[in-house]
């Protein structure tokens, strides 16, 4: 009978993954660890989660129970009467869930993976790997939230965000996947009309096409001798989508700093040329940002592995 219930529960979890059933199982496991360790911070460390994620699961448990489960104070946590009753039921549920977890690991990966990313990341990094990835894992379903503004992983129920940054969220887990390298580009006619550049400081007399989500419009460079330069740039166009800046550069509107993956086609065709080739723009890291090492959808590590391989193939670097 127990084996039958386990099989039914496993089947139900796989069918109902979108409806939050897995969230309830994880919330029960988180609640149990909070009770065992006596604090949210200790539970977060033990589970490999961020503290905000642990707080979210505790709030979910209290919402589902319809009662406060834990009295919080600055010194310690104590269970309410409702919390004691829920703890007894939680132990049984987590024991079955742990057994099921082993069976799920042996099964083909399935369920839904929710991924947040910017337009460039979706088109240049993720789109090329989709045919092989989806064919290899036919039971997985990807949901892409394409948004050029950072989203809340907790608030938007995002499993992983792919971000190009040097400052990943300190409250989450950041897996470095590779590098995003940029090139300084302009149309040949722009360079004919406005003259050559010999140093990065010469950018100050050119119209620069700006990426609006950069915190600072200081473009940073280094050269083969190890010299570094940081230049404050200005321009009459700012946009949050790099493909628009690419089109503007091709049209002769100014100089743009563009991702190498996006610019190389125009460079190969001659519609753009590299400006200041002896100076290399600062590269940014590509991260997969998620909330827990231990509680992940089936497809998360597989997806990040595929994206890391894609970046390595395109840039020649891990």
Foldseek 3Di string as FASTA:
>chain_A
DLVVVLVVVLVVCQVCVVVCPLLLLVLLVLLLLCVVVFHLVVSCVVFQFFSVVSVVSQVVVCVVLVHRQWDDDPPTIDGDPSVVVSNVVSVVSNVSVVVSVVVQVVDQAADEAEEEEEPCCVPQQVVVLPVVVCVVRVRYHYHYHHDLDDDDCVVVVHAKYKDWAQDPDPRWDKDWQAWWFKFKKAFPVLCVVPHADDDPQVQQVWAEAEEVPDPAQWWKKAFPVGDIDTYRHHHDHYYNDQVVVQVCRLVGRTIYIGTCSNCVVCCVVRSMHTGPVRITTDMTTIIITGGGPNDHRRCVVVSSVSSSVSNCVVPVTD
